[in-house]
């Protein structure tokens, strides 16, 4: 994977005029993501980012990926993990949360950017509405970190405050400006801008597309 990293070497100003510590940014192009098959053969996954870098499925604190789901079937279970799933493309999925004997709840993802949140240890059976789907997946280890996913569109202005923020372009193009006097980042569908220690960094989103904004905060120890 090719990563384009641009560290901020000087502090930036927040909206209230105070000075924050430098942030660092990494631009991850969707075209550079490596596809690997699921263990059960039901689709493929492309890891966008994880912490610690290179961590396996049993050791990550958080992991962000994009998956192509080719067939119906059970989801892999991840004990102690909080999961957030967002439909990116396709007719969608119905996620049945079961106790083996009956369906307890069904998460319906039938429109682009529909969101489902569930525990990784839950028994989830996926039904495809009409063919293959592409989905965004956030997994966070409970007790070690917390993650939040929001949908942002052009015209959004926010102050970023988290340990790590990932801005994933669900549909492009979009332009992201971080602070005053900084060249905007141009993202197309599948690209991600990672921002470490943003510390109230001002962020403006322009364009006709949509972003998934993922805010990650580590547990205090």
N, C-alpha and C. Protein backbone atom coordinates (compact mmCIF):
# COMPACT_ATOMS: atom_id res chain seq x y z
N UNK A 1 0.84 -1.18 0.00
CA UNK A 1 0.00 0.00 0.00
C UNK A 1 0.88 1.24 0.00
N UNK A 2 0.52 2.22 -0.82
CA UNK A 2 1.27 3.47 -0.86
C UNK A 2 0.58 4.50 0.00
N UNK A 3 1.28 5.03 0.98
CA UNK A 3 0.74 6.04 1.87
C UNK A 3 1.43 7.36 1.61
N UNK A 4 0.65 8.42 1.53
CA UNK A 4 1.20 9.75 1.29
C UNK A 4 1.05 10.52 2.59
N UNK A 5 2.13 10.70 3.34
CA UNK A 5 2.08 11.29 4.67
C UNK A 5 2.56 12.73 4.64
N UNK A 6 1.76 13.62 5.27
CA UNK A 6 2.12 15.03 5.31
C UNK A 6 2.02 15.52 6.74
N UNK A 7 3.09 15.53 7.53
CA UNK A 7 3.01 15.99 8.92
C UNK A 7 2.90 17.51 8.98
N UNK A 8 2.13 18.00 9.93
CA UNK A 8 2.08 19.44 10.20
C UNK A 8 3.23 19.77 11.14
N UNK A 9 4.14 20.62 10.71
CA UNK A 9 5.33 20.89 11.49
C UNK A 9 5.16 22.06 12.45
N UNK A 10 4.03 22.76 12.34
CA UNK A 10 3.79 23.90 13.22
C UNK A 10 2.41 23.78 13.84
N UNK A 11 2.19 24.38 15.03
CA UNK A 11 0.86 24.34 15.63
C UNK A 11 -0.15 25.03 14.73
N UNK A 12 -1.44 24.67 14.90
CA UNK A 12 -2.50 25.30 14.14
C UNK A 12 -3.43 26.06 15.08
N UNK A 13 -4.18 26.99 14.51
CA UNK A 13 -5.12 27.78 15.29
C UNK A 13 -6.50 27.17 15.25
N UNK A 14 -7.20 27.20 16.37
CA UNK A 14 -8.56 26.71 16.45
C UNK A 14 -9.51 27.88 16.20
N UNK A 15 -10.82 27.60 16.15
CA UNK A 15 -11.80 28.65 15.84
C UNK A 15 -11.83 29.74 16.89
N UNK A 16 -11.49 29.40 18.14
CA UNK A 16 -11.53 30.41 19.20
C UNK A 16 -10.22 31.19 19.32
N UNK A 17 -9.28 30.93 18.38
CA UNK A 17 -8.04 31.69 18.36
C UNK A 17 -6.92 31.10 19.19
N UNK A 18 -7.20 30.01 19.92
CA UNK A 18 -6.14 29.38 20.70
C UNK A 18 -5.26 28.52 19.80
N UNK A 19 -4.12 28.11 20.32
CA UNK A 19 -3.16 27.32 19.55
C UNK A 19 -3.13 25.89 20.05
N UNK A 20 -3.21 24.94 19.11
CA UNK A 20 -3.16 23.52 19.44
C UNK A 20 -1.86 22.93 18.95
N UNK A 21 -1.58 21.70 19.40
CA UNK A 21 -0.37 21.01 18.98
C UNK A 21 -0.51 20.52 17.54
N UNK A 22 0.62 20.25 16.87
CA UNK A 22 0.55 19.83 15.47
C UNK A 22 -0.20 18.52 15.29
N UNK A 23 -0.92 18.43 14.16
CA UNK A 23 -1.53 17.17 13.74
C UNK A 23 -0.68 16.59 12.62
N UNK A 24 -0.89 15.32 12.30
CA UNK A 24 -0.23 14.73 11.15
C UNK A 24 -1.29 14.04 10.30
N UNK A 25 -1.10 14.06 8.99
CA UNK A 25 -2.09 13.50 8.08
C UNK A 25 -1.46 12.44 7.20
N UNK A 26 -2.26 11.44 6.85
CA UNK A 26 -1.84 10.40 5.93
C UNK A 26 -2.96 10.18 4.92
N UNK A 27 -2.67 10.32 3.65
CA UNK A 27 -3.65 10.12 2.59
C UNK A 27 -3.52 8.69 2.07
N UNK A 28 -4.59 7.92 2.20
CA UNK A 28 -4.61 6.51 1.81
C UNK A 28 -5.51 6.39 0.59
N UNK A 29 -4.94 6.03 -0.54
CA UNK A 29 -5.71 5.91 -1.77
C UNK A 29 -6.41 4.55 -1.84
N UNK A 30 -7.69 4.58 -2.19
CA UNK A 30 -8.44 3.34 -2.29
C UNK A 30 -7.86 2.38 -3.31
N UNK A 31 -7.27 2.91 -4.38
CA UNK A 31 -6.70 2.06 -5.42
C UNK A 31 -5.50 1.26 -4.92
N UNK A 32 -4.89 1.68 -3.80
CA UNK A 32 -3.71 1.00 -3.26
C UNK A 32 -4.06 -0.08 -2.24
N UNK A 33 -5.32 -0.21 -1.85
CA UNK A 33 -5.70 -1.18 -0.84
C UNK A 33 -5.59 -2.60 -1.41
N UNK A 34 -5.12 -3.51 -0.57
CA UNK A 34 -4.87 -4.89 -0.99
C UNK A 34 -6.05 -5.77 -0.61
N UNK A 35 -6.59 -6.52 -1.57
CA UNK A 35 -7.73 -7.40 -1.34
C UNK A 35 -7.27 -8.76 -0.84
N UNK A 36 -7.91 -9.26 0.22
CA UNK A 36 -7.63 -10.60 0.73
C UNK A 36 -8.96 -11.31 0.95
N UNK A 37 -9.02 -12.63 0.77
CA UNK A 37 -10.29 -13.36 0.93
C UNK A 37 -10.67 -13.53 2.39
N UNK A 38 -11.98 -13.59 2.63
CA UNK A 38 -12.46 -13.95 3.96
C UNK A 38 -12.08 -15.39 4.26
N UNK A 39 -12.03 -15.70 5.55
CA UNK A 39 -11.73 -17.07 5.95
C UNK A 39 -12.80 -18.05 5.44
N UNK A 40 -14.08 -17.60 5.43
CA UNK A 40 -15.15 -18.50 5.01
C UNK A 40 -15.43 -18.44 3.51
N UNK A 41 -14.65 -17.63 2.78
CA UNK A 41 -14.80 -17.57 1.33
C UNK A 41 -16.00 -16.81 0.84
N UNK A 42 -16.70 -16.12 1.74
CA UNK A 42 -17.92 -15.43 1.36
C UNK A 42 -17.71 -14.07 0.75
N UNK A 43 -16.47 -13.61 0.64
CA UNK A 43 -16.20 -12.30 0.07
C UNK A 43 -14.73 -11.96 0.23
N UNK A 44 -14.42 -10.69 -0.01
CA UNK A 44 -13.05 -10.22 0.17
C UNK A 44 -13.05 -8.96 1.03
N UNK A 45 -11.93 -8.68 1.66
CA UNK A 45 -11.79 -7.51 2.50
C UNK A 45 -10.54 -6.74 2.13
N UNK A 46 -10.60 -5.43 2.30
CA UNK A 46 -9.45 -4.55 2.07
C UNK A 46 -9.25 -3.70 3.32
N UNK A 47 -8.15 -3.92 4.02
CA UNK A 47 -7.87 -3.13 5.23
C UNK A 47 -7.46 -1.72 4.85
N UNK A 48 -8.12 -0.74 5.45
CA UNK A 48 -7.78 0.67 5.24
C UNK A 48 -6.72 1.11 6.24
N UNK A 49 -6.95 0.80 7.50
CA UNK A 49 -6.00 1.17 8.56
C UNK A 49 -6.32 0.35 9.80
N UNK A 50 -5.32 0.20 10.67
CA UNK A 50 -5.51 -0.52 11.92
C UNK A 50 -4.50 -0.01 12.94
N UNK A 51 -4.82 -0.24 14.21
CA UNK A 51 -3.88 0.10 15.28
C UNK A 51 -3.86 -1.05 16.28
N UNK A 52 -2.65 -1.48 16.68
CA UNK A 52 -1.34 -1.10 16.14
C UNK A 52 -1.20 -1.51 14.67
N UNK A 53 -0.34 -0.81 13.94
CA UNK A 53 -0.14 -1.13 12.53
C UNK A 53 0.37 -2.56 12.39
N UNK A 54 -0.25 -3.31 11.50
CA UNK A 54 0.13 -4.69 11.27
C UNK A 54 -0.47 -5.67 12.25
N UNK A 55 -1.35 -5.20 13.17
CA UNK A 55 -1.94 -6.09 14.16
C UNK A 55 -2.84 -7.13 13.50
N UNK A 56 -2.86 -8.33 14.07
CA UNK A 56 -3.74 -9.37 13.59
C UNK A 56 -5.15 -9.20 14.11
N UNK A 57 -6.06 -10.08 13.69
CA UNK A 57 -7.46 -9.97 14.07
C UNK A 57 -7.68 -10.20 15.56
N UNK A 58 -6.72 -10.80 16.24
CA UNK A 58 -6.85 -11.04 17.67
C UNK A 58 -6.19 -9.96 18.53
N UNK A 59 -5.47 -9.04 17.91
CA UNK A 59 -4.67 -8.09 18.69
C UNK A 59 -4.94 -6.63 18.37
N UNK A 60 -5.74 -6.31 17.37
CA UNK A 60 -5.94 -4.90 17.02
C UNK A 60 -6.75 -4.19 18.12
N UNK A 61 -6.49 -2.88 18.26
CA UNK A 61 -7.31 -2.01 19.10
C UNK A 61 -8.48 -1.49 18.28
N UNK A 62 -8.19 -1.09 17.05
CA UNK A 62 -9.25 -0.76 16.10
C UNK A 62 -8.81 -1.12 14.69
N UNK A 63 -9.79 -1.37 13.84
CA UNK A 63 -9.51 -1.75 12.45
C UNK A 63 -10.62 -1.20 11.57
N UNK A 64 -10.23 -0.63 10.44
CA UNK A 64 -11.17 -0.10 9.46
C UNK A 64 -10.92 -0.82 8.14
N UNK A 65 -11.98 -1.29 7.50
CA UNK A 65 -11.82 -2.04 6.26
C UNK A 65 -13.04 -1.84 5.36
N UNK A 66 -12.88 -2.24 4.11
CA UNK A 66 -13.96 -2.26 3.13
C UNK A 66 -14.11 -3.70 2.66
N UNK A 67 -15.35 -4.20 2.63
CA UNK A 67 -15.58 -5.60 2.28
C UNK A 67 -16.56 -5.71 1.13
N UNK A 68 -16.29 -6.66 0.24
CA UNK A 68 -17.24 -7.06 -0.79
C UNK A 68 -17.89 -8.36 -0.34
N UNK A 69 -19.20 -8.33 -0.15
CA UNK A 69 -19.94 -9.50 0.32
C UNK A 69 -20.60 -10.16 -0.89
N UNK A 70 -20.17 -11.38 -1.19
CA UNK A 70 -20.61 -12.04 -2.43
C UNK A 70 -21.77 -12.99 -2.21
N UNK A 71 -22.00 -13.43 -0.98
CA UNK A 71 -23.05 -14.41 -0.75
C UNK A 71 -23.57 -14.32 0.67
N UNK A 72 -24.77 -14.83 0.87
CA UNK A 72 -25.37 -14.84 2.19
C UNK A 72 -24.61 -15.80 3.09
N UNK A 73 -24.73 -15.58 4.42
CA UNK A 73 -24.08 -16.49 5.34
C UNK A 73 -23.78 -15.82 6.67
N UNK A 74 -23.22 -16.58 7.61
CA UNK A 74 -22.93 -16.03 8.94
C UNK A 74 -21.71 -15.12 8.93
N UNK A 75 -21.75 -14.10 9.79
CA UNK A 75 -20.59 -13.25 9.99
C UNK A 75 -19.62 -13.96 10.94
N UNK A 76 -18.33 -13.67 10.76
CA UNK A 76 -17.34 -14.11 11.74
C UNK A 76 -17.61 -13.39 13.05
N UNK A 77 -17.37 -14.10 14.16
CA UNK A 77 -17.61 -13.52 15.47
C UNK A 77 -16.31 -12.99 16.07
N UNK A 78 -16.39 -11.81 16.71
CA UNK A 78 -15.23 -11.18 17.33
C UNK A 78 -15.62 -10.80 18.76
N UNK A 79 -15.27 -11.64 19.71
CA UNK A 79 -15.61 -11.38 21.11
C UNK A 79 -14.91 -10.12 21.60
N UNK A 80 -15.65 -9.27 22.32
CA UNK A 80 -15.08 -8.06 22.90
C UNK A 80 -14.90 -6.92 21.92
N UNK A 81 -15.50 -7.04 20.74
CA UNK A 81 -15.36 -6.02 19.70
C UNK A 81 -16.71 -5.36 19.45
N UNK A 82 -16.72 -4.03 19.35
CA UNK A 82 -17.90 -3.29 18.92
C UNK A 82 -17.78 -3.02 17.42
N UNK A 83 -18.83 -3.36 16.66
CA UNK A 83 -18.76 -3.24 15.21
C UNK A 83 -19.75 -2.21 14.69
N UNK A 84 -19.34 -1.49 13.66
CA UNK A 84 -20.21 -0.58 12.92
C UNK A 84 -20.07 -0.90 11.45
N UNK A 85 -21.19 -1.14 10.78
CA UNK A 85 -21.20 -1.51 9.36
C UNK A 85 -22.01 -0.47 8.60
N UNK A 86 -21.48 -0.02 7.46
CA UNK A 86 -22.15 0.98 6.63
C UNK A 86 -22.24 0.45 5.21
N UNK A 87 -23.43 0.49 4.62
CA UNK A 87 -23.60 0.07 3.23
C UNK A 87 -23.03 1.14 2.30
N UNK A 88 -22.12 0.73 1.41
CA UNK A 88 -21.54 1.65 0.44
C UNK A 88 -22.21 1.53 -0.93
N UNK A 89 -22.43 0.31 -1.40
CA UNK A 89 -23.05 0.11 -2.71
C UNK A 89 -23.72 -1.25 -2.76
N UNK A 90 -24.58 -1.44 -3.75
CA UNK A 90 -25.35 -2.66 -3.87
C UNK A 90 -26.75 -2.47 -3.32
N UNK A 91 -27.60 -3.49 -3.54
CA UNK A 91 -28.99 -3.41 -3.09
C UNK A 91 -29.14 -3.57 -1.59
N UNK A 92 -28.10 -4.08 -0.93
CA UNK A 92 -28.12 -4.09 0.52
C UNK A 92 -28.16 -5.46 1.15
N UNK A 93 -28.22 -5.46 2.48
CA UNK A 93 -28.22 -6.68 3.29
C UNK A 93 -29.21 -6.55 4.44
N UNK A 94 -29.70 -7.69 4.86
CA UNK A 94 -30.47 -7.79 6.10
C UNK A 94 -29.66 -8.64 7.06
N UNK A 95 -29.31 -8.08 8.20
CA UNK A 95 -28.47 -8.76 9.18
C UNK A 95 -29.35 -9.25 10.32
N UNK A 96 -29.56 -10.57 10.37
CA UNK A 96 -30.38 -11.17 11.42
C UNK A 96 -29.51 -11.51 12.62
N UNK A 97 -29.83 -10.92 13.75
CA UNK A 97 -29.15 -11.22 15.01
C UNK A 97 -29.96 -12.29 15.72
N UNK A 98 -29.37 -13.47 15.92
CA UNK A 98 -30.12 -14.62 16.40
C UNK A 98 -29.54 -15.19 17.69
N UNK A 99 -30.34 -16.01 18.33
CA UNK A 99 -29.86 -16.81 19.47
C UNK A 99 -29.88 -18.29 19.11
N UNK A 100 -29.72 -18.57 17.82
CA UNK A 100 -29.76 -19.91 17.23
C UNK A 100 -31.20 -20.39 17.02
N UNK A 101 -32.10 -20.14 17.99
CA UNK A 101 -33.47 -20.63 17.88
C UNK A 101 -34.40 -19.64 17.18
N UNK A 102 -34.13 -18.34 17.34
CA UNK A 102 -35.03 -17.33 16.79
C UNK A 102 -34.25 -16.06 16.47
N UNK A 103 -34.87 -15.20 15.66
CA UNK A 103 -34.27 -13.91 15.29
C UNK A 103 -34.64 -12.88 16.36
N UNK A 104 -33.63 -12.30 16.99
CA UNK A 104 -33.84 -11.30 18.03
C UNK A 104 -34.01 -9.91 17.46
N UNK A 105 -33.30 -9.63 16.38
CA UNK A 105 -33.31 -8.29 15.79
C UNK A 105 -32.78 -8.39 14.36
N UNK A 106 -33.27 -7.54 13.48
CA UNK A 106 -32.77 -7.48 12.11
C UNK A 106 -32.30 -6.07 11.80
N UNK A 107 -31.03 -5.95 11.41
CA UNK A 107 -30.47 -4.67 10.98
C UNK A 107 -30.64 -4.57 9.47
N UNK A 108 -31.41 -3.61 9.01
CA UNK A 108 -31.68 -3.46 7.58
C UNK A 108 -30.75 -2.41 6.97
N UNK A 109 -29.92 -2.83 6.04
CA UNK A 109 -29.04 -1.92 5.29
C UNK A 109 -29.49 -1.99 3.84
N UNK A 110 -30.39 -1.09 3.45
CA UNK A 110 -30.99 -1.16 2.12
C UNK A 110 -30.79 0.10 1.29
N UNK A 111 -30.24 1.14 1.89
CA UNK A 111 -29.94 2.38 1.20
C UNK A 111 -28.48 2.74 1.42
N UNK A 112 -27.79 3.30 0.43
CA UNK A 112 -26.39 3.70 0.64
C UNK A 112 -26.25 4.58 1.88
N UNK A 113 -25.25 4.25 2.70
CA UNK A 113 -24.90 4.93 3.94
C UNK A 113 -25.81 4.58 5.10
N UNK A 114 -26.69 3.57 4.94
CA UNK A 114 -27.37 3.01 6.11
C UNK A 114 -26.32 2.42 7.05
N UNK A 115 -26.56 2.54 8.37
CA UNK A 115 -25.58 2.14 9.38
C UNK A 115 -26.19 1.10 10.32
N UNK A 116 -25.41 0.06 10.63
CA UNK A 116 -25.79 -0.92 11.65
C UNK A 116 -24.68 -0.99 12.69
N UNK A 117 -25.07 -1.08 13.96
CA UNK A 117 -24.12 -1.20 15.06
C UNK A 117 -24.49 -2.44 15.88
N UNK A 118 -23.51 -3.28 16.18
CA UNK A 118 -23.80 -4.50 16.93
C UNK A 118 -22.52 -5.01 17.58
N UNK A 119 -22.68 -5.88 18.56
CA UNK A 119 -21.54 -6.48 19.26
C UNK A 119 -20.91 -7.57 18.40
N UNK A 120 -19.60 -7.62 18.42
CA UNK A 120 -18.89 -8.59 17.59
C UNK A 120 -19.14 -10.03 17.99
N UNK A 121 -19.55 -10.27 19.23
CA UNK A 121 -19.81 -11.64 19.67
C UNK A 121 -21.22 -12.11 19.30
N UNK A 122 -22.05 -11.21 18.79
CA UNK A 122 -23.42 -11.58 18.41
C UNK A 122 -23.41 -12.56 17.25
N UNK A 123 -24.43 -13.41 17.21
CA UNK A 123 -24.62 -14.33 16.08
C UNK A 123 -25.36 -13.55 14.98
N UNK A 124 -24.67 -13.27 13.89
CA UNK A 124 -25.23 -12.49 12.80
C UNK A 124 -25.26 -13.34 11.53
N UNK A 125 -26.45 -13.47 10.94
CA UNK A 125 -26.61 -14.12 9.64
C UNK A 125 -27.02 -13.05 8.62
N UNK A 126 -26.25 -12.96 7.54
CA UNK A 126 -26.50 -11.93 6.52
C UNK A 126 -27.30 -12.50 5.37
N UNK A 127 -28.33 -11.74 4.95
CA UNK A 127 -29.11 -12.06 3.75
C UNK A 127 -28.93 -10.93 2.75
N UNK A 128 -28.55 -11.24 1.53
CA UNK A 128 -28.37 -10.24 0.50
C UNK A 128 -29.72 -9.93 -0.14
N UNK A 129 -30.01 -8.64 -0.33
CA UNK A 129 -31.27 -8.24 -0.94
C UNK A 129 -31.32 -8.61 -2.41
N UNK A 130 -30.26 -8.26 -3.14
CA UNK A 130 -30.22 -8.58 -4.57
C UNK A 130 -28.77 -8.49 -5.07
N UNK A 131 -27.99 -9.51 -4.77
CA UNK A 131 -26.62 -9.55 -5.27
C UNK A 131 -25.60 -8.93 -4.34
N UNK A 132 -24.37 -8.88 -4.81
CA UNK A 132 -23.21 -8.48 -4.03
C UNK A 132 -23.32 -7.05 -3.52
N UNK A 133 -22.75 -6.83 -2.33
CA UNK A 133 -22.69 -5.49 -1.75
C UNK A 133 -21.26 -5.13 -1.40
N UNK A 134 -21.02 -3.85 -1.25
CA UNK A 134 -19.76 -3.35 -0.70
C UNK A 134 -20.08 -2.59 0.57
N UNK A 135 -19.31 -2.87 1.63
CA UNK A 135 -19.61 -2.33 2.95
C UNK A 135 -18.36 -1.79 3.62
N UNK A 136 -18.56 -0.78 4.45
CA UNK A 136 -17.50 -0.20 5.29
C UNK A 136 -17.64 -0.80 6.67
N UNK A 137 -16.51 -1.17 7.27
CA UNK A 137 -16.54 -1.88 8.54
C UNK A 137 -15.56 -1.25 9.54
N UNK A 138 -16.07 -0.82 10.69
CA UNK A 138 -15.24 -0.36 11.80
C UNK A 138 -15.36 -1.36 12.93
N UNK A 139 -14.21 -1.83 13.43
CA UNK A 139 -14.18 -2.72 14.59
C UNK A 139 -13.28 -2.10 15.66
N UNK A 140 -13.80 -2.02 16.88
CA UNK A 140 -13.08 -1.39 17.99
C UNK A 140 -13.11 -2.31 19.19
N UNK A 141 -11.95 -2.52 19.80
CA UNK A 141 -11.87 -3.41 20.96
C UNK A 141 -12.44 -2.71 22.19
N UNK A 142 -13.49 -3.28 22.72
CA UNK A 142 -14.21 -2.71 23.85
C UNK A 142 -13.29 -2.59 25.07
N UNK A 143 -13.28 -1.43 25.72
CA UNK A 143 -12.44 -1.21 26.88
C UNK A 143 -11.09 -0.62 26.55
N UNK A 144 -10.64 -0.79 25.28
CA UNK A 144 -9.36 -0.23 24.86
C UNK A 144 -9.53 1.07 24.09
N UNK A 145 -10.68 1.22 23.42
CA UNK A 145 -10.94 2.42 22.63
C UNK A 145 -12.44 2.51 22.37
N UNK A 146 -12.85 3.65 21.87
CA UNK A 146 -14.24 3.86 21.47
C UNK A 146 -14.24 4.54 20.11
N UNK A 147 -15.20 4.18 19.27
CA UNK A 147 -15.27 4.75 17.92
C UNK A 147 -16.66 5.23 17.60
N UNK A 148 -16.73 6.28 16.79
CA UNK A 148 -18.00 6.87 16.37
C UNK A 148 -17.94 7.11 14.87
N UNK A 149 -19.04 6.81 14.17
CA UNK A 149 -19.13 7.02 12.72
C UNK A 149 -20.27 7.98 12.43
N UNK A 150 -19.98 9.02 11.64
CA UNK A 150 -20.98 9.97 11.19
C UNK A 150 -20.88 10.13 9.68
N UNK A 151 -21.98 10.53 9.04
CA UNK A 151 -21.99 10.84 7.61
C UNK A 151 -21.90 12.35 7.45
N UNK A 152 -20.88 12.80 6.70
CA UNK A 152 -20.71 14.22 6.39
C UNK A 152 -20.84 14.43 4.90
N UNK A 153 -21.42 15.56 4.52
CA UNK A 153 -21.55 15.93 3.11
C UNK A 153 -20.94 17.31 2.88
N UNK A 154 -20.90 17.73 1.62
CA UNK A 154 -20.34 19.03 1.28
C UNK A 154 -21.01 20.15 2.04
N UNK A 155 -20.20 21.11 2.48
CA UNK A 155 -20.71 22.22 3.28
C UNK A 155 -20.56 22.00 4.77
N UNK A 156 -20.05 20.83 5.18
CA UNK A 156 -19.85 20.53 6.60
C UNK A 156 -18.62 21.24 7.12
N UNK A 157 -18.74 21.83 8.30
CA UNK A 157 -17.62 22.45 9.00
C UNK A 157 -17.61 21.92 10.43
N UNK A 158 -16.48 21.35 10.85
CA UNK A 158 -16.38 20.80 12.19
C UNK A 158 -15.00 21.09 12.77
N UNK A 159 -14.92 21.07 14.09
CA UNK A 159 -13.64 21.06 14.79
C UNK A 159 -13.36 19.62 15.21
N UNK A 160 -12.28 19.05 14.72
CA UNK A 160 -11.96 17.65 14.99
C UNK A 160 -11.34 17.51 16.37
N UNK A 161 -11.86 16.56 17.14
CA UNK A 161 -11.35 16.33 18.48
C UNK A 161 -11.42 14.84 18.79
N UNK A 162 -10.29 14.18 18.70
CA UNK A 162 -10.17 12.74 18.96
C UNK A 162 -8.69 12.39 18.96
N UNK A 163 -8.37 11.15 19.29
CA UNK A 163 -6.99 10.70 19.15
C UNK A 163 -6.64 10.46 17.68
N UNK A 164 -7.60 9.89 16.94
CA UNK A 164 -7.43 9.67 15.50
C UNK A 164 -8.77 9.95 14.83
N UNK A 165 -8.74 10.64 13.70
CA UNK A 165 -9.92 10.83 12.86
C UNK A 165 -9.61 10.27 11.48
N UNK A 166 -10.53 9.45 10.96
CA UNK A 166 -10.42 8.94 9.60
C UNK A 166 -11.59 9.49 8.80
N UNK A 167 -11.30 10.12 7.67
CA UNK A 167 -12.33 10.65 6.78
C UNK A 167 -12.32 9.79 5.52
N UNK A 168 -13.30 8.89 5.42
CA UNK A 168 -13.39 7.93 4.32
C UNK A 168 -14.37 8.46 3.29
N UNK A 169 -13.94 8.57 2.03
CA UNK A 169 -14.80 9.08 0.98
C UNK A 169 -15.71 7.96 0.48
N UNK A 170 -16.97 7.98 0.91
CA UNK A 170 -17.93 6.97 0.49
C UNK A 170 -18.40 7.21 -0.94
N UNK A 171 -18.47 8.46 -1.34
CA UNK A 171 -18.77 8.83 -2.73
C UNK A 171 -18.11 10.17 -3.00
N UNK A 172 -17.45 10.26 -4.14
CA UNK A 172 -16.68 11.47 -4.41
C UNK A 172 -17.12 12.17 -5.67
N UNK A 173 -16.39 13.27 -5.95
CA UNK A 173 -15.22 13.76 -5.21
C UNK A 173 -15.60 14.68 -4.06
N UNK A 174 -14.66 14.82 -3.11
CA UNK A 174 -14.80 15.80 -2.04
C UNK A 174 -13.44 16.46 -1.83
N UNK A 175 -13.47 17.67 -1.29
CA UNK A 175 -12.25 18.39 -0.92
C UNK A 175 -12.31 18.68 0.57
N UNK A 176 -11.21 18.39 1.26
CA UNK A 176 -11.14 18.57 2.71
C UNK A 176 -10.07 19.61 3.02
N UNK A 177 -10.47 20.67 3.70
CA UNK A 177 -9.54 21.71 4.13
C UNK A 177 -9.34 21.61 5.63
N UNK A 178 -8.08 21.59 6.06
CA UNK A 178 -7.74 21.50 7.48
C UNK A 178 -7.05 22.79 7.89
N UNK A 179 -7.77 23.66 8.57
CA UNK A 179 -7.18 24.91 9.01
C UNK A 179 -7.04 25.90 7.86
N UNK A 180 -6.60 27.11 8.21
CA UNK A 180 -6.45 28.17 7.22
C UNK A 180 -5.10 28.08 6.53
N UNK A 181 -5.07 28.39 5.25
CA UNK A 181 -3.82 28.47 4.51
C UNK A 181 -3.19 27.15 4.17
N UNK A 182 -3.94 26.05 4.27
CA UNK A 182 -3.43 24.72 3.96
C UNK A 182 -4.11 24.22 2.69
N UNK A 183 -3.34 23.69 1.76
CA UNK A 183 -3.88 23.18 0.51
C UNK A 183 -4.90 22.08 0.79
N UNK A 184 -6.11 22.16 0.21
CA UNK A 184 -7.12 21.13 0.46
C UNK A 184 -6.67 19.76 -0.06
N UNK A 185 -7.15 18.72 0.58
CA UNK A 185 -6.94 17.35 0.14
C UNK A 185 -8.09 16.95 -0.78
N UNK A 186 -7.80 16.44 -1.96
CA UNK A 186 -8.82 15.99 -2.91
C UNK A 186 -8.98 14.48 -2.78
N UNK A 187 -10.19 14.04 -2.42
CA UNK A 187 -10.47 12.62 -2.25
C UNK A 187 -11.52 12.18 -3.25
N UNK A 188 -11.31 10.98 -3.80
CA UNK A 188 -12.32 10.34 -4.64
C UNK A 188 -12.84 9.12 -3.89
N UNK A 189 -13.84 8.47 -4.46
CA UNK A 189 -14.48 7.33 -3.82
C UNK A 189 -13.45 6.28 -3.41
N UNK A 190 -13.49 5.88 -2.14
CA UNK A 190 -12.59 4.86 -1.62
C UNK A 190 -11.33 5.39 -0.97
N UNK A 191 -11.04 6.69 -1.12
CA UNK A 191 -9.86 7.29 -0.50
C UNK A 191 -10.16 7.62 0.97
N UNK A 192 -9.09 7.69 1.77
CA UNK A 192 -9.22 8.00 3.20
C UNK A 192 -8.16 9.00 3.61
N UNK A 193 -8.54 10.01 4.37
CA UNK A 193 -7.60 10.92 5.00
C UNK A 193 -7.55 10.59 6.49
N UNK A 194 -6.37 10.16 6.95
CA UNK A 194 -6.18 9.86 8.37
C UNK A 194 -5.51 11.06 9.03
N UNK A 195 -6.06 11.48 10.19
CA UNK A 195 -5.53 12.62 10.91
C UNK A 195 -5.26 12.18 12.35
N UNK A 196 -4.00 12.18 12.73
CA UNK A 196 -3.62 11.81 14.09
C UNK A 196 -3.50 13.06 14.95
N UNK A 197 -4.00 12.96 16.18
CA UNK A 197 -4.01 14.05 17.17
C UNK A 197 -4.46 15.37 16.56
N UNK A 198 -5.71 15.44 16.06
CA UNK A 198 -6.17 16.69 15.43
C UNK A 198 -6.32 17.85 16.41
N UNK A 199 -6.65 17.57 17.70
CA UNK A 199 -6.67 18.61 18.73
C UNK A 199 -7.43 19.86 18.31
N UNK A 200 -8.73 19.71 18.05
CA UNK A 200 -9.62 20.83 17.70
C UNK A 200 -9.25 21.47 16.37
N UNK A 201 -8.65 20.72 15.47
CA UNK A 201 -8.31 21.21 14.14
C UNK A 201 -9.58 21.51 13.36
N UNK A 202 -9.66 22.69 12.74
CA UNK A 202 -10.81 23.07 11.95
C UNK A 202 -10.83 22.30 10.63
N UNK A 203 -12.00 21.72 10.29
CA UNK A 203 -12.14 20.90 9.08
C UNK A 203 -13.35 21.37 8.29
N UNK A 204 -13.16 21.59 6.99
CA UNK A 204 -14.25 21.99 6.10
C UNK A 204 -14.31 21.01 4.94
N UNK A 205 -15.52 20.53 4.63
CA UNK A 205 -15.74 19.57 3.54
C UNK A 205 -16.54 20.25 2.44
N UNK A 206 -16.06 20.15 1.21
CA UNK A 206 -16.76 20.70 0.05
C UNK A 206 -16.86 19.63 -1.02
N UNK A 207 -17.89 19.74 -1.87
CA UNK A 207 -18.04 18.80 -2.97
C UNK A 207 -19.39 18.11 -2.93
N UNK A 208 -19.66 17.36 -4.00
CA UNK A 208 -20.97 16.72 -4.15
C UNK A 208 -21.05 15.35 -3.49
N UNK A 209 -19.93 14.85 -2.98
CA UNK A 209 -19.89 13.50 -2.43
C UNK A 209 -20.25 13.44 -0.96
N UNK A 210 -19.90 12.31 -0.34
CA UNK A 210 -20.19 12.08 1.08
C UNK A 210 -19.00 11.40 1.74
N UNK A 211 -18.77 11.76 3.00
CA UNK A 211 -17.71 11.18 3.80
C UNK A 211 -18.29 10.39 4.96
N UNK A 212 -17.57 9.34 5.36
CA UNK A 212 -17.77 8.73 6.66
C UNK A 212 -16.68 9.26 7.59
N UNK A 213 -17.09 9.95 8.64
CA UNK A 213 -16.14 10.52 9.60
C UNK A 213 -16.06 9.60 10.81
N UNK A 214 -14.88 9.01 11.02
CA UNK A 214 -14.67 8.06 12.11
C UNK A 214 -13.79 8.72 13.16
N UNK A 215 -14.31 8.90 14.37
CA UNK A 215 -13.56 9.47 15.48
C UNK A 215 -13.20 8.35 16.44
N UNK A 216 -11.91 8.22 16.75
CA UNK A 216 -11.41 7.15 17.62
C UNK A 216 -10.72 7.76 18.83
N UNK A 217 -11.11 7.26 20.00
CA UNK A 217 -10.53 7.74 21.25
C UNK A 217 -10.05 6.55 22.07
N UNK A 218 -8.80 6.62 22.54
CA UNK A 218 -8.24 5.54 23.34
C UNK A 218 -8.68 5.67 24.79
N UNK A 219 -8.86 4.53 25.43
CA UNK A 219 -9.26 4.54 26.85
C UNK A 219 -8.13 5.08 27.70
N UNK A 220 -8.49 5.84 28.72
CA UNK A 220 -7.49 6.37 29.64
C UNK A 220 -7.01 5.26 30.55
N UNK A 221 -5.70 5.20 30.74
CA UNK A 221 -5.11 4.15 31.58
C UNK A 221 -4.40 4.76 32.77
